[in-house]
C-alpha atoms as a PDB file:
ATOM      1  CA  UNK A   1      -0.068  -0.079   0.012  1.00  0.00           C
ATOM      2  CA  UNK A   2       1.426   3.410  -0.807  1.00  0.00           C
ATOM      3  CA  UNK A   3       2.251   5.819   1.944  1.00  0.00           C
ATOM      4  CA  UNK A   4      -0.519   8.193   0.701  1.00  0.00           C
ATOM      5  CA  UNK A   5      -3.160   5.440   0.817  1.00  0.00           C
ATOM      6  CA  UNK A   6      -1.968   4.223   4.250  1.00  0.00           C
ATOM      7  CA  UNK A   7      -2.433   7.847   5.557  1.00  0.00           C
ATOM      8  CA  UNK A   8      -5.883   8.020   4.058  1.00  0.00           C
ATOM      9  CA  UNK A   9      -6.889   4.818   5.638  1.00  0.00           C
ATOM     10  CA  UNK A  10      -5.611   5.747   8.928  1.00  0.00           C
ATOM     11  CA  UNK A  11      -7.365   9.194   8.761  1.00  0.00           C
ATOM     12  CA  UNK A  12     -10.626   7.505   7.835  1.00  0.00           C
ATOM     13  CA  UNK A  13     -10.469   5.486  11.136  1.00  0.00           C
ATOM     14  CA  UNK A  14     -10.153   8.392  13.369  1.00  0.00           C
ATOM     15  CA  UNK A  15     -13.849   9.397  13.275  1.00  0.00           C
ATOM     16  CA  UNK A  16     -14.928   5.843  13.779  1.00  0.00           C
ATOM     17  CA  UNK A  17     -12.580   5.364  16.782  1.00  0.00           C
ATOM     18  CA  UNK A  18     -13.720   8.760  18.210  1.00  0.00           C
ATOM     19  CA  UNK A  19     -17.368   7.767  17.878  1.00  0.00           C
ATOM     20  CA  UNK A  20     -16.857   4.400  19.558  1.00  0.00           C
ATOM     21  CA  UNK A  21     -18.622   4.306  22.961  1.00  0.00           C
ATOM     22  CA  UNK A  22     -16.733   3.489  26.083  1.00  0.00           C
ATOM     23  CA  UNK A  23     -19.718   1.342  26.941  1.00  0.00           C
ATOM     24  CA  UNK A  24     -18.430  -1.271  24.360  1.00  0.00           C
ATOM     25  CA  UNK A  25     -16.529  -2.620  27.273  1.00  0.00           C
ATOM     26  CA  UNK A  26     -19.736  -3.518  29.213  1.00  0.00           C
ATOM     27  CA  UNK A  27     -19.907  -6.513  27.102  1.00  0.00           C
ATOM     28  CA  UNK A  28     -16.928  -8.027  29.019  1.00  0.00           C
ATOM     29  CA  UNK A  29     -18.971  -8.009  32.207  1.00  0.00           C
ATOM     30  CA  UNK A  30     -21.928  -9.882  30.696  1.00  0.00           C
ATOM     31  CA  UNK A  31     -22.346 -13.687  30.867  1.00  0.00           C
ATOM     32  CA  UNK A  32     -21.034 -15.400  27.996  1.00  0.00           C
ATOM     33  CA  UNK A  33     -23.608 -17.519  26.105  1.00  0.00           C
ATOM     34  CA  UNK A  34     -23.007 -20.636  24.130  1.00  0.00           C
ATOM     35  CA  UNK A  35     -25.509 -21.269  21.333  1.00  0.00           C
ATOM     36  CA  UNK A  36     -25.644 -23.637  18.355  1.00  0.00           C
ATOM     37  CA  UNK A  37     -26.398 -20.835  15.789  1.00  0.00           C
ATOM     38  CA  UNK A  38     -26.199 -17.120  15.211  1.00  0.00           C
ATOM     39  CA  UNK A  39     -29.797 -16.829  14.148  1.00  0.00           C
ATOM     40  CA  UNK A  40     -30.460 -14.315  16.811  1.00  0.00           C
ATOM     41  CA  UNK A  41     -28.012 -11.919  15.266  1.00  0.00           C
ATOM     42  CA  UNK A  42     -29.914 -11.728  11.991  1.00  0.00           C
ATOM     43  CA  UNK A  43     -31.431  -8.309  11.454  1.00  0.00           C
ATOM     44  CA  UNK A  44     -28.883  -6.407  13.392  1.00  0.00           C
ATOM     45  CA  UNK A  45     -26.489  -4.068  11.473  1.00  0.00           C
ATOM     46  CA  UNK A  46     -23.494  -4.357  13.733  1.00  0.00           C
ATOM     47  CA  UNK A  47     -21.895  -6.783  16.128  1.00  0.00           C
ATOM     48  CA  UNK A  48     -19.324  -6.227  18.743  1.00  0.00           C
ATOM     49  CA  UNK A  49     -16.526  -8.382  17.896  1.00  0.00           C
ATOM     50  CA  UNK A  50     -14.303  -9.247  20.847  1.00  0.00           C
ATOM     51  CA  UNK A  51     -10.739 -10.552  20.109  1.00  0.00           C
ATOM     52  CA  UNK A  52      -7.762 -11.166  22.523  1.00  0.00           C
ATOM     53  CA  UNK A  53      -4.400  -9.531  22.721  1.00  0.00           C
ATOM     54  CA  UNK A  54      -1.368 -11.605  23.355  1.00  0.00           C
ATOM     55  CA  UNK A  55      -1.598 -11.066  27.042  1.00  0.00           C
ATOM     56  CA  UNK A  56      -5.338 -12.012  27.075  1.00  0.00           C
ATOM     57  CA  UNK A  57      -6.786  -8.558  27.147  1.00  0.00           C
ATOM     58  CA  UNK A  58     -10.096  -8.540  25.365  1.00  0.00           C
ATOM     59  CA  UNK A  59     -10.562  -5.850  22.621  1.00  0.00           C
ATOM     60  CA  UNK A  60     -14.153  -4.989  21.565  1.00  0.00           C
ATOM     61  CA  UNK A  61     -14.696  -3.627  18.148  1.00  0.00           C
ATOM     62  CA  UNK A  62     -18.096  -2.823  16.487  1.00  0.00           C
ATOM     63  CA  UNK A  63     -18.133  -4.325  12.925  1.00  0.00           C
ATOM     64  CA  UNK A  64     -20.523  -4.882  10.022  1.00  0.00           C
ATOM     65  CA  UNK A  65     -21.200  -8.590   9.263  1.00  0.00           C
ATOM     66  CA  UNK A  66     -23.120 -10.888   7.252  1.00  0.00           C
ATOM     67  CA  UNK A  67     -24.766 -14.334   8.191  1.00  0.00           C
ATOM     68  CA  UNK A  68     -24.303 -17.422   5.911  1.00  0.00           C
ATOM     69  CA  UNK A  69     -27.112 -19.698   7.366  1.00  0.00           C
ATOM     70  CA  UNK A  70     -27.179 -19.882  11.090  1.00  0.00           C
ATOM     71  CA  UNK A  71     -23.661 -21.176  11.923  1.00  0.00           C
ATOM     72  CA  UNK A  72     -21.318 -18.905   9.866  1.00  0.00           C
ATOM     73  CA  UNK A  73     -20.751 -15.300  10.378  1.00  0.00           C
ATOM     74  CA  UNK A  74     -18.554 -13.143   8.078  1.00  0.00           C
ATOM     75  CA  UNK A  75     -16.770  -9.951   8.514  1.00  0.00           C
ATOM     76  CA  UNK A  76     -14.365  -8.061   6.242  1.00  0.00           C
ATOM     77  CA  UNK A  77     -11.548  -5.784   7.527  1.00  0.00           C
ATOM     78  CA  UNK A  78      -8.600  -4.309   5.895  1.00  0.00           C
ATOM     79  CA  UNK A  79      -5.352  -6.237   5.486  1.00  0.00           C
ATOM     80  CA  UNK A  80      -3.511  -4.129   8.041  1.00  0.00           C
ATOM     81  CA  UNK A  81      -6.237  -4.401  10.832  1.00  0.00           C
ATOM     82  CA  UNK A  82      -4.774  -5.553  14.148  1.00  0.00           C
ATOM     83  CA  UNK A  83      -7.796  -7.705  14.922  1.00  0.00           C
ATOM     84  CA  UNK A  84      -6.647 -10.041  12.128  1.00  0.00           C
ATOM     85  CA  UNK A  85      -3.291 -10.526  13.845  1.00  0.00           C
ATOM     86  CA  UNK A  86      -5.058 -11.153  17.166  1.00  0.00           C
ATOM     87  CA  UNK A  87      -7.486 -13.703  15.516  1.00  0.00           C
ATOM     88  CA  UNK A  88      -4.607 -15.599  13.776  1.00  0.00           C
ATOM     89  CA  UNK A  89      -2.777 -16.034  17.256  1.00  0.00           C
ATOM     90  CA  UNK A  90      -6.093 -16.790  19.284  1.00  0.00           C
ATOM     91  CA  UNK A  91      -9.230 -17.957  17.531  1.00  0.00           C
ATOM     92  CA  UNK A  92     -11.440 -17.197  20.475  1.00  0.00           C
ATOM     93  CA  UNK A  93     -13.985 -14.470  20.063  1.00  0.00           C
ATOM     94  CA  UNK A  94     -17.180 -13.169  21.439  1.00  0.00           C
ATOM     95  CA  UNK A  95     -20.003 -11.576  19.354  1.00  0.00           C
ATOM     96  CA  UNK A  96     -22.828  -9.499  20.587  1.00  0.00           C
ATOM     97  CA  UNK A  97     -25.413  -7.351  18.935  1.00  0.00           C
ATOM     98  CA  UNK A  98     -24.555  -3.685  19.293  1.00  0.00           C
ATOM     99  CA  UNK A  99     -25.462  -0.290  18.077  1.00  0.00           C
ATOM    100  CA  UNK A 100     -23.241   1.713  15.585  1.00  0.00           C
ATOM    101  CA  UNK A 101     -21.145   2.979  18.394  1.00  0.00           C
ATOM    102  CA  UNK A 102     -20.536  -0.395  20.037  1.00  0.00           C
ATOM    103  CA  UNK A 103     -22.919  -0.299  22.838  1.00  0.00           C
ATOM    104  CA  UNK A 104     -23.845  -3.966  23.465  1.00  0.00           C
ATOM    105  CA  UNK A 105     -27.552  -4.788  23.039  1.00  0.00           C
ATOM    106  CA  UNK A 106     -27.306  -8.467  24.304  1.00  0.00           C
ATOM    107  CA  UNK A 107     -24.922 -10.698  26.141  1.00  0.00           C
ATOM    108  CA  UNK A 108     -22.129 -12.107  23.987  1.00  0.00           C
ATOM    109  CA  UNK A 109     -22.082 -15.402  22.219  1.00  0.00           C
ATOM    110  CA  UNK A 110     -18.897 -17.454  22.294  1.00  0.00           C
ATOM    111  CA  UNK A 111     -17.343 -18.071  18.927  1.00  0.00           C
ATOM    112  CA  UNK A 112     -14.225 -19.241  17.225  1.00  0.00           C
ATOM    113  CA  UNK A 113     -12.883 -17.365  14.235  1.00  0.00           C
ATOM    114  CA  UNK A 114     -10.303 -17.693  11.506  1.00  0.00           C
ATOM    115  CA  UNK A 115      -8.911 -15.699   8.681  1.00  0.00           C
ATOM    116  CA  UNK A 116     -10.050 -17.178   5.253  1.00  0.00           C
ATOM    117  CA  UNK A 117      -7.346 -17.919   2.897  1.00  0.00           C
ATOM    118  CA  UNK A 118      -8.977 -20.294   0.411  1.00  0.00           C
ATOM    119  CA  UNK A 119     -10.251 -18.410  -2.651  1.00  0.00           C
ATOM    120  CA  UNK A 120     -13.490 -20.306  -2.742  1.00  0.00           C
ATOM    121  CA  UNK A 121     -14.151 -19.472   0.934  1.00  0.00           C
ATOM    122  CA  UNK A 122     -13.296 -15.799   0.376  1.00  0.00           C
ATOM    123  CA  UNK A 123     -15.647 -15.719  -2.695  1.00  0.00           C
ATOM    124  CA  UNK A 124     -18.448 -17.201  -0.606  1.00  0.00           C
ATOM    125  CA  UNK A 125     -17.859 -14.701   2.231  1.00  0.00           C
ATOM    126  CA  UNK A 126     -17.673 -11.774  -0.176  1.00  0.00           C
ATOM    127  CA  UNK A 127     -21.058 -12.981  -1.831  1.00  0.00           C
ATOM    128  CA  UNK A 128     -22.689 -13.307   1.607  1.00  0.00           C
ATOM    129  CA  UNK A 129     -21.566  -9.897   2.636  1.00  0.00           C
ATOM    130  CA  UNK A 130     -22.555  -8.045  -0.538  1.00  0.00           C
ATOM    131  CA  UNK A 131     -25.960  -9.717  -0.507  1.00  0.00           C
ATOM    132  CA  UNK A 132     -26.671  -8.502   3.066  1.00  0.00           C
ATOM    133  CA  UNK A 133     -25.470  -4.912   2.996  1.00  0.00           C
ATOM    134  CA  UNK A 134     -27.575  -2.046   2.477  1.00  0.00           C
ATOM    135  CA  UNK A 135     -26.739   0.859  -0.135  1.00  0.00           C
ATOM    136  CA  UNK A 136     -24.711   2.889   2.354  1.00  0.00           C
ATOM    137  CA  UNK A 137     -22.541  -0.086   3.309  1.00  0.00           C
ATOM    138  CA  UNK A 138     -22.161  -0.848  -0.463  1.00  0.00           C
ATOM    139  CA  UNK A 139     -21.033   2.606  -1.180  1.00  0.00           C
ATOM    140  CA  UNK A 140     -18.544   2.510   1.732  1.00  0.00           C
ATOM    141  CA  UNK A 141     -17.184  -0.765   0.395  1.00  0.00           C
ATOM    142  CA  UNK A 142     -16.654   0.658  -3.185  1.00  0.00           C
ATOM    143  CA  UNK A 143     -14.623   3.651  -1.860  1.00  0.00           C
ATOM    144  CA  UNK A 144     -12.783   1.556   0.923  1.00  0.00           C
ATOM    145  CA  UNK A 145     -11.828  -1.305  -1.387  1.00  0.00           C
ATOM    146  CA  UNK A 146      -9.970   1.042  -3.685  1.00  0.00           C
ATOM    147  CA  UNK A 147      -7.697   2.185  -0.838  1.00  0.00           C
ATOM    148  CA  UNK A 148      -6.962  -1.255   0.684  1.00  0.00           C
ATOM    149  CA  UNK A 149      -7.263  -4.992   0.213  1.00  0.00           C
ATOM    150  CA  UNK A 150      -9.307  -6.932   2.718  1.00  0.00           C
ATOM    151  CA  UNK A 151      -9.266 -10.085   4.801  1.00  0.00           C
ATOM    152  CA  UNK A 152     -12.306 -12.046   5.199  1.00  0.00           C
ATOM    153  CA  UNK A 153     -13.036 -13.527   8.704  1.00  0.00           C
ATOM    154  CA  UNK A 154     -15.319 -16.461   9.452  1.00  0.00           C
ATOM    155  CA  UNK A 155     -16.864 -17.142  12.827  1.00  0.00           C
ATOM    156  CA  UNK A 156     -18.748 -20.260  14.055  1.00  0.00           C
ATOM    157  CA  UNK A 157     -20.488 -20.845  17.452  1.00  0.00           C
ATOM    158  CA  UNK A 158     -18.322 -22.302  20.209  1.00  0.00           C
ATOM    159  CA  UNK A 159     -18.713 -23.571  23.700  1.00  0.00           C
ATOM    160  CA  UNK A 160     -18.638 -20.850  26.361  1.00  0.00           C
ATOM    161  CA  UNK A 161     -15.190 -21.234  28.184  1.00  0.00           C
ATOM    162  CA  UNK A 162     -15.192 -21.169  31.977  1.00  0.00           C
ATOM    163  CA  UNK A 163     -13.268 -18.170  33.135  1.00  0.00           C
END
Protein backbone atom coordinates (compact mmCIF):
# COMPACT_ATOMS: atom_id res chain seq x y z
CA UNK A 1 0.00 0.00 0.00
CA UNK A 2 1.39 3.43 -0.87
CA UNK A 3 2.23 5.84 1.92
CA UNK A 4 -0.55 8.20 0.80
CA UNK A 5 -3.15 5.42 0.75
CA UNK A 6 -1.99 4.27 4.20
CA UNK A 7 -2.40 7.82 5.56
CA UNK A 8 -5.89 8.08 4.06
CA UNK A 9 -6.93 4.75 5.60
CA UNK A 10 -5.57 5.79 9.02
CA UNK A 11 -7.32 9.17 8.78
CA UNK A 12 -10.62 7.50 7.87
CA UNK A 13 -10.46 5.44 11.07
CA UNK A 14 -10.16 8.44 13.40
CA UNK A 15 -13.85 9.45 13.26
CA UNK A 16 -14.94 5.84 13.78
CA UNK A 17 -12.61 5.42 16.76
CA UNK A 18 -13.74 8.74 18.24
CA UNK A 19 -17.40 7.74 17.86
CA UNK A 20 -16.88 4.39 19.59
CA UNK A 21 -18.64 4.37 22.92
CA UNK A 22 -16.68 3.53 26.06
CA UNK A 23 -19.74 1.41 26.89
CA UNK A 24 -18.48 -1.20 24.37
CA UNK A 25 -16.43 -2.61 27.25
CA UNK A 26 -19.66 -3.40 29.13
CA UNK A 27 -19.91 -6.58 27.03
CA UNK A 28 -16.95 -7.96 29.01
CA UNK A 29 -18.97 -8.00 32.24
CA UNK A 30 -21.90 -9.89 30.70
CA UNK A 31 -22.30 -13.66 30.95
CA UNK A 32 -20.98 -15.42 27.85
CA UNK A 33 -23.57 -17.57 26.12
CA UNK A 34 -23.05 -20.74 24.15
CA UNK A 35 -25.53 -21.27 21.33
CA UNK A 36 -25.63 -23.64 18.35
CA UNK A 37 -26.42 -20.83 15.89
CA UNK A 38 -26.13 -17.13 15.20
CA UNK A 39 -29.77 -16.86 14.12
CA UNK A 40 -30.56 -14.28 16.80
CA UNK A 41 -28.01 -11.90 15.26
CA UNK A 42 -30.00 -11.74 12.03
CA UNK A 43 -31.51 -8.34 11.39
CA UNK A 44 -28.81 -6.48 13.31
CA UNK A 45 -26.55 -4.03 11.47
CA UNK A 46 -23.54 -4.38 13.77
CA UNK A 47 -21.95 -6.88 16.09
CA UNK A 48 -19.40 -6.19 18.75
CA UNK A 49 -16.46 -8.43 17.89
CA UNK A 50 -14.19 -9.19 20.85
CA UNK A 51 -10.74 -10.55 20.05
CA UNK A 52 -7.83 -11.08 22.44
CA UNK A 53 -4.39 -9.51 22.69
CA UNK A 54 -1.34 -11.67 23.34
CA UNK A 55 -1.64 -10.97 27.11
CA UNK A 56 -5.31 -12.05 27.08
CA UNK A 57 -6.78 -8.54 27.20
CA UNK A 58 -10.12 -8.49 25.33
CA UNK A 59 -10.60 -5.83 22.66
CA UNK A 60 -14.21 -5.04 21.60
CA UNK A 61 -14.74 -3.56 18.12
CA UNK A 62 -18.10 -2.84 16.43
CA UNK A 63 -18.17 -4.28 12.90
CA UNK A 64 -20.55 -4.87 10.03
CA UNK A 65 -21.20 -8.53 9.34
CA UNK A 66 -23.13 -11.00 7.24
CA UNK A 67 -24.66 -14.35 8.14
CA UNK A 68 -24.36 -17.37 5.89
CA UNK A 69 -27.02 -19.65 7.28
CA UNK A 70 -27.19 -19.83 11.06
CA UNK A 71 -23.71 -21.15 11.86
CA UNK A 72 -21.35 -18.91 9.91
CA UNK A 73 -20.82 -15.20 10.38
CA UNK A 74 -18.50 -13.24 8.08
CA UNK A 75 -16.67 -9.97 8.59
CA UNK A 76 -14.35 -8.13 6.24
CA UNK A 77 -11.60 -5.83 7.41
CA UNK A 78 -8.60 -4.22 5.81
CA UNK A 79 -5.41 -6.23 5.53
CA UNK A 80 -3.57 -4.10 8.12
CA UNK A 81 -6.23 -4.46 10.84
CA UNK A 82 -4.79 -5.58 14.16
CA UNK A 83 -7.84 -7.75 14.86
CA UNK A 84 -6.61 -10.06 12.08
CA UNK A 85 -3.28 -10.54 13.86
CA UNK A 86 -5.07 -11.19 17.17
CA UNK A 87 -7.43 -13.72 15.55
CA UNK A 88 -4.60 -15.59 13.84
CA UNK A 89 -2.89 -15.97 17.22
CA UNK A 90 -6.02 -16.76 19.25
CA UNK A 91 -9.23 -17.96 17.51
CA UNK A 92 -11.43 -17.26 20.55
CA UNK A 93 -13.95 -14.49 20.00
CA UNK A 94 -17.15 -13.07 21.41
CA UNK A 95 -19.97 -11.64 19.31
CA UNK A 96 -22.83 -9.48 20.59
CA UNK A 97 -25.45 -7.38 18.86
CA UNK A 98 -24.57 -3.71 19.28
CA UNK A 99 -25.45 -0.28 18.01
CA UNK A 100 -23.26 1.67 15.57
CA UNK A 101 -21.12 3.02 18.43
CA UNK A 102 -20.52 -0.42 19.94
CA UNK A 103 -22.94 -0.30 22.87
CA UNK A 104 -23.87 -3.95 23.45
CA UNK A 105 -27.55 -4.85 23.11
CA UNK A 106 -27.27 -8.49 24.26
CA UNK A 107 -24.92 -10.74 26.18
CA UNK A 108 -22.12 -12.06 23.97
CA UNK A 109 -22.03 -15.38 22.17
CA UNK A 110 -18.87 -17.51 22.32
CA UNK A 111 -17.33 -18.03 18.88
CA UNK A 112 -14.21 -19.31 17.13
CA UNK A 113 -12.86 -17.36 14.23
CA UNK A 114 -10.36 -17.71 11.45
CA UNK A 115 -8.93 -15.71 8.60
CA UNK A 116 -10.08 -17.10 5.26
CA UNK A 117 -7.22 -17.96 2.91
CA UNK A 118 -8.94 -20.29 0.42
CA UNK A 119 -10.15 -18.35 -2.67
CA UNK A 120 -13.45 -20.24 -2.76
CA UNK A 121 -14.16 -19.49 0.92
CA UNK A 122 -13.23 -15.84 0.38
CA UNK A 123 -15.59 -15.65 -2.61
CA UNK A 124 -18.42 -17.19 -0.56
CA UNK A 125 -17.83 -14.66 2.23
CA UNK A 126 -17.76 -11.79 -0.25
CA UNK A 127 -21.08 -12.92 -1.80
CA UNK A 128 -22.73 -13.23 1.61
CA UNK A 129 -21.53 -9.80 2.67
CA UNK A 130 -22.55 -8.07 -0.54
CA UNK A 131 -25.98 -9.72 -0.45
CA UNK A 132 -26.67 -8.52 3.09
CA UNK A 133 -25.43 -4.94 2.94
CA UNK A 134 -27.60 -1.88 2.47
CA UNK A 135 -26.81 0.81 -0.15
CA UNK A 136 -24.75 2.89 2.32
CA UNK A 137 -22.58 -0.08 3.21
CA UNK A 138 -22.10 -0.91 -0.46
CA UNK A 139 -21.02 2.66 -1.18
CA UNK A 140 -18.52 2.54 1.71
CA UNK A 141 -17.17 -0.74 0.37
CA UNK A 142 -16.67 0.69 -3.12
CA UNK A 143 -14.62 3.57 -1.74
CA UNK A 144 -12.72 1.57 0.89
CA UNK A 145 -11.78 -1.31 -1.44
CA UNK A 146 -9.99 1.14 -3.73
CA UNK A 147 -7.76 2.15 -0.84
CA UNK A 148 -6.89 -1.21 0.69
CA UNK A 149 -7.24 -4.94 0.24
CA UNK A 150 -9.32 -6.87 2.74
CA UNK A 151 -9.26 -10.04 4.77
CA UNK A 152 -12.41 -12.06 5.24
CA UNK A 153 -13.00 -13.50 8.71
CA UNK A 154 -15.33 -16.42 9.44
CA UNK A 155 -16.83 -17.21 12.85
CA UNK A 156 -18.74 -20.25 14.12
CA UNK A 157 -20.48 -20.74 17.47
CA UNK A 158 -18.28 -22.27 20.17
CA UNK A 159 -18.79 -23.57 23.70
CA UNK A 160 -18.49 -20.83 26.32
CA UNK A 161 -15.20 -21.18 28.18
CA UNK A 162 -15.11 -21.20 31.94
CA UNK A 163 -13.25 -18.18 33.13
